[in-house]
Amino acid sequence: MTASRSDFAALLRAWRDRLSPGDAGFTVTDGRRAPGLRREELAQLACLSVDYVLRLEQGRATSPSAQVVGALARALQLSRAERDQLYRSARLLPPRDGTVSTHVPPGIQRLAARLGDVPIGVFTADWTLVWWNTMWSALHGDPAVIPTAERNLARALFGNGAAHASMLPIRSERGPDVFEASVVADLKDAVSRYPADAQLDRLVQELREISDAFTHHWATQTTAAPHTTDRKTIRHSEIGDILLDCDVLIVPGADLRMVTYTAATGSSDAGKLDLLRVTGGRHTATALP
C-alpha cells in the first residue's frame, strides 16, 4: 500500500503522545495535561523548529528529508520497525543494511536520559554525534547550533567547517597524535565493515583531500588503538579548565559509542560539573570528544 501524507502526520502525533517525557529526559510536573511529549519538546529533541513540527503533524509540510525523519525517529525512541515505517510514510526508503546506522535504541536513550548528572553523547560507528543530553550541551556547547552533517568528531579534528571552527580547546593526556590516530583507526575499521556506505566514503575522501594530518594517520602502517578511555582537560569559557575522565562505552548490537565525562567525588573538577548543572553553561561553542 502506498503511504499517504496523512499517514506520516498521524504516526508523528500518535508516537509523540505515546512517549513519556520522563523517558525523554524531561522533568514531569503536575501541570501537564497530556501524558506524552509536548510539541516543543519533540522539536527540541529533534533539533527542529516548533513551527515545522506543527506543519508536519498537520500534513502541511509534505516532504521531510531523510535527516529530518531520522532525527524524529530518534527523538520518538522508535524501534527499528517503527523507524522504517516512519520513513516509508514519508515516501522515503529506510536506511539500508550494510551502512552506518544512526538508530539509537529506545533503551539506550532511556538509560542516558536517567543519567542526567553526567555529560553523555552517543556517536555512530563513523563518530557522528546523534544524541546528547543537557549536561553534554552545558559542558561542550549545544550541538544543535552546528549543521547536522558537521556533527562528526573526525570533521571537528581534521575538517575546515563549522565543527572544526567551534571546537573548544581540549587536551588529551594521551597527547594529540595518539588521540587523532585512534579516531582515524576507528574510521578505518568502519570503512572495512561498511564498504557500501557512500556517505562514509565521502567523509574519508574529503578529509584526505583537506588534512595532511588525517592523510598521515590514514596512511601509517602502525595499527592505532581505538578511541576508548582517556583523561581530558576541557577549557570552558565560563568555568575555565576542567579535568575529566572520558570513557567510551560500546553499545552491543547497535554499533554505537556512548561517551561519558565524570570526575571523582569531592574533587574541584566535580564541583565545576556541579556548577554546570546549575548554570547550564553560558556559551555557544561546541566540542566533540
C-alpha atoms as a PDB file:
ATOM      1  CA  MET A   1       0.000   0.000   0.000  1.00  0.00           C
ATOM      2  CA  THR A   2       1.303   3.432  -0.913  1.00  0.00           C
ATOM      3  CA  ALA A   3       1.838   5.686   2.069  1.00  0.00           C
ATOM      4  CA  SER A   4      -0.154   8.918   2.154  1.00  0.00           C
ATOM      5  CA  ARG A   5       0.828  12.260   3.611  1.00  0.00           C
ATOM      6  CA  SER A   6      -1.722  11.794   6.376  1.00  0.00           C
ATOM      7  CA  ASP A   7      -0.025   8.534   7.447  1.00  0.00           C
ATOM      8  CA  PHE A   8       3.151  10.390   8.391  1.00  0.00           C
ATOM      9  CA  ALA A   9       1.277  13.090  10.291  1.00  0.00           C
ATOM     10  CA  ALA A  10      -0.837  10.545  12.163  1.00  0.00           C
ATOM     11  CA  LEU A  11       2.186   8.452  13.145  1.00  0.00           C
ATOM     12  CA  LEU A  12       4.029  11.526  14.335  1.00  0.00           C
ATOM     13  CA  ARG A  13       1.159  12.617  16.566  1.00  0.00           C
ATOM     14  CA  ALA A  14       0.484   9.109  17.896  1.00  0.00           C
ATOM     15  CA  TRP A  15       4.106   8.388  18.762  1.00  0.00           C
ATOM     16  CA  ARG A  16       4.577  11.819  20.338  1.00  0.00           C
ATOM     17  CA  ASP A  17       1.545  11.171  22.554  1.00  0.00           C
ATOM     18  CA  ARG A  18       2.951   7.750  23.467  1.00  0.00           C
ATOM     19  CA  LEU A  19       6.418   8.814  24.654  1.00  0.00           C
ATOM     20  CA  SER A  20       6.747   9.613  28.335  1.00  0.00           C
ATOM     21  CA  PRO A  21       8.544  12.928  28.937  1.00  0.00           C
ATOM     22  CA  GLY A  22      10.467  11.278  31.772  1.00  0.00           C
ATOM     23  CA  ASP A  23      11.882   8.694  29.368  1.00  0.00           C
ATOM     24  CA  ALA A  24      12.960  11.556  27.098  1.00  0.00           C
ATOM     25  CA  GLY A  25      14.806  13.326  29.905  1.00  0.00           C
ATOM     26  CA  PHE A  26      12.234  15.989  30.771  1.00  0.00           C
ATOM     27  CA  THR A  27      11.011  16.765  34.275  1.00  0.00           C
ATOM     28  CA  VAL A  28       7.404  15.674  34.763  1.00  0.00           C
ATOM     29  CA  THR A  29       5.251  18.239  36.585  1.00  0.00           C
ATOM     30  CA  ASP A  30       1.682  18.185  37.854  1.00  0.00           C
ATOM     31  CA  GLY A  31       0.658  20.822  35.333  1.00  0.00           C
ATOM     32  CA  ARG A  32       0.912  18.560  32.300  1.00  0.00           C
ATOM     33  CA  ARG A  33      -2.454  17.938  30.653  1.00  0.00           C
ATOM     34  CA  ALA A  34      -1.303  15.027  28.473  1.00  0.00           C
ATOM     35  CA  PRO A  35       0.972  12.051  29.216  1.00  0.00           C
ATOM     36  CA  GLY A  36       3.104  12.341  26.090  1.00  0.00           C
ATOM     37  CA  LEU A  37       5.641  14.825  24.799  1.00  0.00           C
ATOM     38  CA  ARG A  38       4.692  18.393  24.085  1.00  0.00           C
ATOM     39  CA  ARG A  39       5.253  19.528  20.524  1.00  0.00           C
ATOM     40  CA  GLU A  40       8.001  21.920  21.607  1.00  0.00           C
ATOM     41  CA  GLU A  41       9.761  19.083  23.452  1.00  0.00           C
ATOM     42  CA  LEU A  42       9.797  16.932  20.334  1.00  0.00           C
ATOM     43  CA  ALA A  43      11.116  19.885  18.359  1.00  0.00           C
ATOM     44  CA  GLN A  44      13.884  20.385  20.916  1.00  0.00           C
ATOM     45  CA  LEU A  45      14.906  16.714  20.859  1.00  0.00           C
ATOM     46  CA  ALA A  46      14.932  16.569  17.056  1.00  0.00           C
ATOM     47  CA  CYS A  47      16.630  19.992  16.665  1.00  0.00           C
ATOM     48  CA  LEU A  48      13.716  21.285  14.597  1.00  0.00           C
ATOM     49  CA  SER A  49      11.567  24.373  14.897  1.00  0.00           C
ATOM     50  CA  VAL A  50       8.230  24.039  16.674  1.00  0.00           C
ATOM     51  CA  ASP A  51       6.512  25.529  13.632  1.00  0.00           C
ATOM     52  CA  TYR A  52       7.986  22.868  11.350  1.00  0.00           C
ATOM     53  CA  VAL A  53       6.882  20.051  13.672  1.00  0.00           C
ATOM     54  CA  LEU A  54       3.393  21.601  13.728  1.00  0.00           C
ATOM     55  CA  ARG A  55       3.275  21.705   9.935  1.00  0.00           C
ATOM     56  CA  LEU A  56       4.436  18.089   9.733  1.00  0.00           C
ATOM     57  CA  GLU A  57       1.714  16.985  12.166  1.00  0.00           C
ATOM     58  CA  GLN A  58      -0.914  18.935  10.236  1.00  0.00           C
ATOM     59  CA  GLY A  59       0.210  17.491   6.905  1.00  0.00           C
ATOM     60  CA  ARG A  60       1.193  20.916   5.566  1.00  0.00           C
ATOM     61  CA  ALA A  61       4.899  20.046   5.333  1.00  0.00           C
ATOM     62  CA  THR A  62       4.883  17.092   2.968  1.00  0.00           C
ATOM     63  CA  SER A  63       8.482  16.360   2.005  1.00  0.00           C
ATOM     64  CA  PRO A  64      10.670  15.904   5.084  1.00  0.00           C
ATOM     65  CA  SER A  65      14.248  14.924   4.325  1.00  0.00           C
ATOM     66  CA  ALA A  66      15.795  11.631   5.394  1.00  0.00           C
ATOM     67  CA  GLN A  67      17.811  13.560   8.001  1.00  0.00           C
ATOM     68  CA  VAL A  68      14.629  15.050   9.472  1.00  0.00           C
ATOM     69  CA  VAL A  69      12.860  11.686   9.580  1.00  0.00           C
ATOM     70  CA  GLY A  70      15.903  10.074  11.206  1.00  0.00           C
ATOM     71  CA  ALA A  71      16.050  12.812  13.842  1.00  0.00           C
ATOM     72  CA  LEU A  72      12.341  12.407  14.590  1.00  0.00           C
ATOM     73  CA  ALA A  73      12.695   8.623  14.843  1.00  0.00           C
ATOM     74  CA  ARG A  74      15.475   9.006  17.399  1.00  0.00           C
ATOM     75  CA  ALA A  75      13.603  11.689  19.334  1.00  0.00           C
ATOM     76  CA  LEU A  76      10.481   9.494  19.475  1.00  0.00           C
ATOM     77  CA  GLN A  77      12.577   6.482  20.577  1.00  0.00           C
ATOM     78  CA  LEU A  78      11.174   4.272  17.834  1.00  0.00           C
ATOM     79  CA  SER A  79      12.093   0.654  17.305  1.00  0.00           C
ATOM     80  CA  ARG A  80      13.790  -0.253  14.030  1.00  0.00           C
ATOM     81  CA  ALA A  81      10.496  -1.484  12.575  1.00  0.00           C
ATOM     82  CA  GLU A  82       8.723   1.711  13.595  1.00  0.00           C
ATOM     83  CA  ARG A  83      11.572   3.806  12.238  1.00  0.00           C
ATOM     84  CA  ASP A  84      11.272   2.080   8.872  1.00  0.00           C
ATOM     85  CA  GLN A  85       7.510   2.636   8.939  1.00  0.00           C
ATOM     86  CA  LEU A  86       8.045   6.352   9.532  1.00  0.00           C
ATOM     87  CA  TYR A  87      10.464   6.545   6.593  1.00  0.00           C
ATOM     88  CA  ARG A  88       8.011   4.783   4.292  1.00  0.00           C
ATOM     89  CA  SER A  89       5.143   7.019   5.409  1.00  0.00           C
ATOM     90  CA  ALA A  90       7.311   9.964   4.317  1.00  0.00           C
ATOM     91  CA  ARG A  91       7.811   8.200   0.958  1.00  0.00           C
ATOM     92  CA  LEU A  92      11.479   7.612   1.702  1.00  0.00           C
ATOM     93  CA  LEU A  93      13.497   4.408   1.659  1.00  0.00           C
ATOM     94  CA  PRO A  94      14.544   3.275   5.146  1.00  0.00           C
ATOM     95  CA  PRO A  95      18.289   3.131   5.863  1.00  0.00           C
ATOM     96  CA  ARG A  96      19.850   0.134   4.133  1.00  0.00           C
ATOM     97  CA  ASP A  97      21.581  -2.690   5.903  1.00  0.00           C
ATOM     98  CA  GLY A  98      25.317  -2.503   5.389  1.00  0.00           C
ATOM     99  CA  THR A  99      25.518   1.238   6.045  1.00  0.00           C
ATOM    100  CA  VAL A 100      26.422   3.051   9.256  1.00  0.00           C
ATOM    101  CA  SER A 101      23.305   3.104  11.396  1.00  0.00           C
ATOM    102  CA  THR A 102      22.131   6.267  13.163  1.00  0.00           C
ATOM    103  CA  HIS A 103      19.428   4.404  15.074  1.00  0.00           C
ATOM    104  CA  VAL A 104      19.664   4.756  18.873  1.00  0.00           C
ATOM    105  CA  PRO A 105      17.663   2.008  20.614  1.00  0.00           C
ATOM    106  CA  PRO A 106      14.957   3.294  22.993  1.00  0.00           C
ATOM    107  CA  GLY A 107      16.549   1.531  25.962  1.00  0.00           C
ATOM    108  CA  ILE A 108      19.844   3.342  25.402  1.00  0.00           C
ATOM    109  CA  GLN A 109      18.051   6.683  25.225  1.00  0.00           C
ATOM    110  CA  ARG A 110      16.118   5.968  28.433  1.00  0.00           C
ATOM    111  CA  LEU A 111      19.316   4.906  30.199  1.00  0.00           C
ATOM    112  CA  ALA A 112      21.191   8.008  29.095  1.00  0.00           C
ATOM    113  CA  ALA A 113      18.250  10.281  29.967  1.00  0.00           C
ATOM    114  CA  ARG A 114      18.214   8.906  33.519  1.00  0.00           C
ATOM    115  CA  LEU A 115      21.917   9.711  33.952  1.00  0.00           C
ATOM    116  CA  GLY A 116      21.171  13.405  33.743  1.00  0.00           C
ATOM    117  CA  ASP A 117      24.071  14.429  36.028  1.00  0.00           C
ATOM    118  CA  VAL A 118      26.629  13.002  33.595  1.00  0.00           C
ATOM    119  CA  PRO A 119      27.523  14.601  30.236  1.00  0.00           C
ATOM    120  CA  ILE A 120      26.645  11.925  27.661  1.00  0.00           C
ATOM    121  CA  GLY A 121      26.884  11.895  23.882  1.00  0.00           C
ATOM    122  CA  VAL A 122      26.034   8.960  21.619  1.00  0.00           C
ATOM    123  CA  PHE A 123      28.063   8.510  18.428  1.00  0.00           C
ATOM    124  CA  THR A 124      27.728   6.219  15.425  1.00  0.00           C
ATOM    125  CA  ALA A 125      30.463   3.965  14.035  1.00  0.00           C
ATOM    126  CA  ASP A 126      31.886   6.874  11.994  1.00  0.00           C
ATOM    127  CA  TRP A 127      31.916   9.189  15.049  1.00  0.00           C
ATOM    128  CA  THR A 128      28.832  11.175  14.102  1.00  0.00           C
ATOM    129  CA  LEU A 129      27.037  12.614  17.125  1.00  0.00           C
ATOM    130  CA  VAL A 130      23.372  11.546  17.042  1.00  0.00           C
ATOM    131  CA  TRP A 131      22.189  12.003  20.655  1.00  0.00           C
ATOM    132  CA  TRP A 132      23.236  14.127  23.631  1.00  0.00           C
ATOM    133  CA  ASN A 133      21.812  15.239  26.957  1.00  0.00           C
ATOM    134  CA  THR A 134      21.560  18.633  28.637  1.00  0.00           C
ATOM    135  CA  MET A 135      24.814  18.201  30.550  1.00  0.00           C
ATOM    136  CA  TRP A 136      26.655  17.462  27.322  1.00  0.00           C
ATOM    137  CA  SER A 137      25.455  20.794  25.963  1.00  0.00           C
ATOM    138  CA  ALA A 138      26.399  22.538  29.222  1.00  0.00           C
ATOM    139  CA  LEU A 139      29.936  21.135  29.042  1.00  0.00           C
ATOM    140  CA  HIS A 140      30.607  21.322  25.303  1.00  0.00           C
ATOM    141  CA  GLY A 141      28.024  23.737  23.962  1.00  0.00           C
ATOM    142  CA  ASP A 142      24.798  22.899  22.178  1.00  0.00           C
ATOM    143  CA  PRO A 143      25.454  20.679  19.125  1.00  0.00           C
ATOM    144  CA  ALA A 144      22.170  21.916  17.658  1.00  0.00           C
ATOM    145  CA  VAL A 145      23.912  25.129  16.569  1.00  0.00           C
ATOM    146  CA  ILE A 146      26.125  23.096  14.220  1.00  0.00           C
ATOM    147  CA  PRO A 147      24.713  21.781  10.913  1.00  0.00           C
ATOM    148  CA  THR A 148      23.711  18.125  11.118  1.00  0.00           C
ATOM    149  CA  ALA A 149      26.294  16.977   8.566  1.00  0.00           C
ATOM    150  CA  GLU A 150      29.068  18.663  10.592  1.00  0.00           C
ATOM    151  CA  ARG A 151      28.372  16.886  13.888  1.00  0.00           C
ATOM    152  CA  ASN A 152      31.251  14.484  13.460  1.00  0.00           C
ATOM    153  CA  LEU A 153      34.355  14.054  15.596  1.00  0.00           C
ATOM    154  CA  ALA A 154      36.653  13.481  12.610  1.00  0.00           C
ATOM    155  CA  ARG A 155      35.356  16.663  10.986  1.00  0.00           C
ATOM    156  CA  ALA A 156      35.956  18.546  14.237  1.00  0.00           C
ATOM    157  CA  LEU A 157      39.549  17.307  14.405  1.00  0.00           C
ATOM    158  CA  PHE A 158      40.571  17.400  10.741  1.00  0.00           C
ATOM    159  CA  GLY A 159      37.944  19.369   8.819  1.00  0.00           C
ATOM    160  CA  ASN A 160      37.661  23.044   7.963  1.00  0.00           C
ATOM    161  CA  GLY A 161      33.941  23.582   8.535  1.00  0.00           C
ATOM    162  CA  ALA A 162      31.672  24.577  11.409  1.00  0.00           C
ATOM    163  CA  ALA A 163      32.602  21.646  13.666  1.00  0.00           C
ATOM    164  CA  HIS A 164      36.309  22.428  13.493  1.00  0.00           C
ATOM    165  CA  ALA A 165      35.806  26.183  13.875  1.00  0.00           C
ATOM    166  CA  SER A 166      33.694  25.852  17.017  1.00  0.00           C
ATOM    167  CA  MET A 167      35.573  23.058  18.782  1.00  0.00           C
ATOM    168  CA  LEU A 168      36.568  24.024  22.303  1.00  0.00           C
ATOM    169  CA  PRO A 169      40.219  23.632  23.349  1.00  0.00           C
ATOM    170  CA  ILE A 170      40.609  20.057  24.618  1.00  0.00           C
ATOM    171  CA  ARG A 171      43.849  18.468  25.802  1.00  0.00           C
ATOM    172  CA  SER A 172      44.136  14.691  25.965  1.00  0.00           C
ATOM    173  CA  GLU A 173      46.524  13.117  28.459  1.00  0.00           C
ATOM    174  CA  ARG A 174      47.470  10.630  25.746  1.00  0.00           C
ATOM    175  CA  GLY A 175      48.604  13.504  23.553  1.00  0.00           C
ATOM    176  CA  PRO A 176      47.065  14.923  20.364  1.00  0.00           C
ATOM    177  CA  ASP A 177      48.748  12.470  17.995  1.00  0.00           C
ATOM    178  CA  VAL A 178      47.523   9.387  19.868  1.00  0.00           C
ATOM    179  CA  PHE A 179      44.022  10.817  20.153  1.00  0.00           C
ATOM    180  CA  GLU A 180      43.846  11.709  16.457  1.00  0.00           C
ATOM    181  CA  ALA A 181      45.335   8.372  15.385  1.00  0.00           C
ATOM    182  CA  SER A 182      42.757   6.455  17.431  1.00  0.00           C
ATOM    183  CA  VAL A 183      39.865   8.300  15.775  1.00  0.00           C
ATOM    184  CA  VAL A 184      41.312   7.590  12.311  1.00  0.00           C
ATOM    185  CA  ALA A 185      41.755   3.936  13.313  1.00  0.00           C
ATOM    186  CA  ASP A 186      38.062   3.798  14.198  1.00  0.00           C
ATOM    187  CA  LEU A 187      37.179   5.266  10.804  1.00  0.00           C
ATOM    188  CA  LYS A 188      39.366   2.717   9.005  1.00  0.00           C
ATOM    189  CA  ASP A 189      37.590  -0.025  10.929  1.00  0.00           C
ATOM    190  CA  ALA A 190      34.195   1.429   9.975  1.00  0.00           C
ATOM    191  CA  VAL A 191      35.191   1.530   6.288  1.00  0.00           C
ATOM    192  CA  SER A 192      36.190  -2.128   6.436  1.00  0.00           C
ATOM    193  CA  ARG A 193      32.825  -3.077   7.940  1.00  0.00           C
ATOM    194  CA  TYR A 194      30.650  -0.752   5.830  1.00  0.00           C
ATOM    195  CA  PRO A 195      32.269  -0.750   2.364  1.00  0.00           C
ATOM    196  CA  ALA A 196      28.959   0.147   0.678  1.00  0.00           C
ATOM    197  CA  ASP A 197      28.361   3.288   2.765  1.00  0.00           C
ATOM    198  CA  ALA A 198      28.724   6.173   0.308  1.00  0.00           C
ATOM    199  CA  GLN A 199      28.458   8.848   2.988  1.00  0.00           C
ATOM    200  CA  LEU A 200      31.313   7.308   4.964  1.00  0.00           C
ATOM    201  CA  ASP A 201      33.404   7.059   1.809  1.00  0.00           C
ATOM    202  CA  ARG A 202      32.773  10.758   1.058  1.00  0.00           C
ATOM    203  CA  LEU A 203      33.805  11.701   4.591  1.00  0.00           C
ATOM    204  CA  VAL A 204      37.126   9.861   4.293  1.00  0.00           C
ATOM    205  CA  GLN A 205      37.884  11.184   0.819  1.00  0.00           C
ATOM    206  CA  GLU A 206      37.101  14.754   1.844  1.00  0.00           C
ATOM    207  CA  LEU A 207      39.334  14.616   4.917  1.00  0.00           C
ATOM    208  CA  ARG A 208      42.165  13.053   2.926  1.00  0.00           C
ATOM    209  CA  GLU A 209      41.960  15.974   0.492  1.00  0.00           C
ATOM    210  CA  ILE A 210      41.982  18.774   3.059  1.00  0.00           C
ATOM    211  CA  SER A 211      44.007  17.451   6.005  1.00  0.00           C
ATOM    212  CA  ASP A 212      47.668  16.418   5.905  1.00  0.00           C
ATOM    213  CA  ALA A 213      47.347  15.086   9.464  1.00  0.00           C
ATOM    214  CA  PHE A 214      44.416  12.866   8.527  1.00  0.00           C
ATOM    215  CA  THR A 215      46.229  11.619   5.430  1.00  0.00           C
ATOM    216  CA  HIS A 216      49.307  10.810   7.517  1.00  0.00           C
ATOM    217  CA  HIS A 217      47.317   8.838  10.074  1.00  0.00           C
ATOM    218  CA  TRP A 218      45.351   7.072   7.336  1.00  0.00           C
ATOM    219  CA  ALA A 219      48.493   6.000   5.519  1.00  0.00           C
ATOM    220  CA  THR A 220      50.507   4.922   8.545  1.00  0.00           C
ATOM    221  CA  GLN A 221      51.338   1.255   8.812  1.00  0.00           C
ATOM    222  CA  THR A 222      51.115   1.303  12.593  1.00  0.00           C
ATOM    223  CA  THR A 223      47.831  -0.033  13.904  1.00  0.00           C
ATOM    224  CA  ALA A 224      46.457   2.503  16.374  1.00  0.00           C
ATOM    225  CA  ALA A 225      44.305   1.550  19.321  1.00  0.00           C
ATOM    226  CA  PRO A 226      40.627   2.555  19.115  1.00  0.00           C
ATOM    227  CA  HIS A 227      39.455   5.654  20.952  1.00  0.00           C
ATOM    228  CA  THR A 228      38.289   4.465  24.370  1.00  0.00           C
ATOM    229  CA  THR A 229      39.199   5.707  27.859  1.00  0.00           C
ATOM    230  CA  ASP A 230      41.066   8.986  28.288  1.00  0.00           C
ATOM    231  CA  ARG A 231      41.533  11.928  30.657  1.00  0.00           C
ATOM    232  CA  LYS A 232      40.844  15.279  29.066  1.00  0.00           C
ATOM    233  CA  THR A 233      41.182  18.883  30.085  1.00  0.00           C
ATOM    234  CA  ILE A 234      38.416  20.997  28.555  1.00  0.00           C
ATOM    235  CA  ARG A 235      38.783  24.767  28.538  1.00  0.00           C
ATOM    236  CA  HIS A 236      35.298  26.065  29.287  1.00  0.00           C
ATOM    237  CA  SER A 237      34.633  29.730  28.590  1.00  0.00           C
ATOM    238  CA  GLU A 238      32.839  30.254  31.908  1.00  0.00           C
ATOM    239  CA  ILE A 239      34.478  27.930  34.447  1.00  0.00           C
ATOM    240  CA  GLY A 240      37.958  27.582  32.991  1.00  0.00           C
ATOM    241  CA  ASP A 241      39.876  24.311  32.693  1.00  0.00           C
ATOM    242  CA  ILE A 242      38.109  21.181  33.903  1.00  0.00           C
ATOM    243  CA  LEU A 243      39.869  17.788  34.035  1.00  0.00           C
ATOM    244  CA  LEU A 244      37.540  14.840  33.486  1.00  0.00           C
ATOM    245  CA  ASP A 245      37.640  11.110  32.876  1.00  0.00           C
ATOM    246  CA  CYS A 246      36.296  10.412  29.392  1.00  0.00           C
ATOM    247  CA  ASP A 247      35.010   6.873  28.895  1.00  0.00           C
ATOM    248  CA  VAL A 248      33.736   5.370  25.648  1.00  0.00           C
ATOM    249  CA  LEU A 249      31.175   2.628  26.210  1.00  0.00           C
ATOM    250  CA  ILE A 250      30.321   0.335  23.295  1.00  0.00           C
ATOM    251  CA  VAL A 251      26.619  -0.456  22.819  1.00  0.00           C
ATOM    252  CA  PRO A 252      26.411  -4.175  21.884  1.00  0.00           C
ATOM    253  CA  GLY A 253      24.325  -4.930  18.826  1.00  0.00           C
ATOM    254  CA  ALA A 254      23.882  -1.280  17.846  1.00  0.00           C
ATOM    255  CA  ASP A 255      27.439  -0.281  16.782  1.00  0.00           C
ATOM    256  CA  LEU A 256      27.204   2.896  18.840  1.00  0.00           C
ATOM    257  CA  ARG A 257      29.592   4.605  21.250  1.00  0.00           C
ATOM    258  CA  MET A 258      28.291   6.235  24.409  1.00  0.00           C
ATOM    259  CA  VAL A 259      30.795   8.856  25.567  1.00  0.00           C
ATOM    260  CA  THR A 260      30.643   9.952  29.211  1.00  0.00           C
ATOM    261  CA  TYR A 261      32.530  12.534  31.271  1.00  0.00           C
ATOM    262  CA  THR A 262      32.906  12.163  35.054  1.00  0.00           C
ATOM    263  CA  ALA A 263      35.036  13.497  37.914  1.00  0.00           C
ATOM    264  CA  ALA A 264      35.960  11.987  41.275  1.00  0.00           C
ATOM    265  CA  THR A 265      33.508  12.822  44.052  1.00  0.00           C
ATOM    266  CA  GLY A 266      34.702  15.743  46.156  1.00  0.00           C
ATOM    267  CA  SER A 267      37.270  16.956  43.634  1.00  0.00           C
ATOM    268  CA  SER A 268      37.406  20.538  42.401  1.00  0.00           C
ATOM    269  CA  ASP A 269      36.501  19.281  38.923  1.00  0.00           C
ATOM    270  CA  ALA A 270      33.392  17.567  40.316  1.00  0.00           C
ATOM    271  CA  GLY A 271      32.481  20.940  41.802  1.00  0.00           C
ATOM    272  CA  LYS A 272      32.829  22.531  38.375  1.00  0.00           C
ATOM    273  CA  LEU A 273      30.482  19.909  36.912  1.00  0.00           C
ATOM    274  CA  ASP A 274      28.006  20.730  39.693  1.00  0.00           C
ATOM    275  CA  LEU A 275      28.245  24.392  38.709  1.00  0.00           C
ATOM    276  CA  LEU A 276      27.491  23.491  35.099  1.00  0.00           C
ATOM    277  CA  ARG A 277      24.367  21.620  36.227  1.00  0.00           C
ATOM    278  CA  VAL A 278      23.129  24.798  37.859  1.00  0.00           C
ATOM    279  CA  THR A 279      24.122  27.286  35.177  1.00  0.00           C
ATOM    280  CA  GLY A 280      23.660  25.078  32.127  1.00  0.00           C
ATOM    281  CA  GLY A 281      26.787  26.638  30.579  1.00  0.00           C
ATOM    282  CA  ARG A 282      26.841  30.091  29.113  1.00  0.00           C
ATOM    283  CA  HIS A 283      28.439  29.695  25.686  1.00  0.00           C
ATOM    284  CA  THR A 284      27.519  28.564  22.205  1.00  0.00           C
ATOM    285  CA  ALA A 285      30.704  26.845  21.022  1.00  0.00           C
ATOM    286  CA  THR A 286      30.550  23.093  20.697  1.00  0.00           C
ATOM    287  CA  ALA A 287      33.114  20.339  21.129  1.00  0.00           C
ATOM    288  CA  LEU A 288      33.262  16.682  20.235  1.00  0.00           C
ATOM    289  CA  PRO A 289      35.364  14.392  22.460  1.00  0.00           C
END
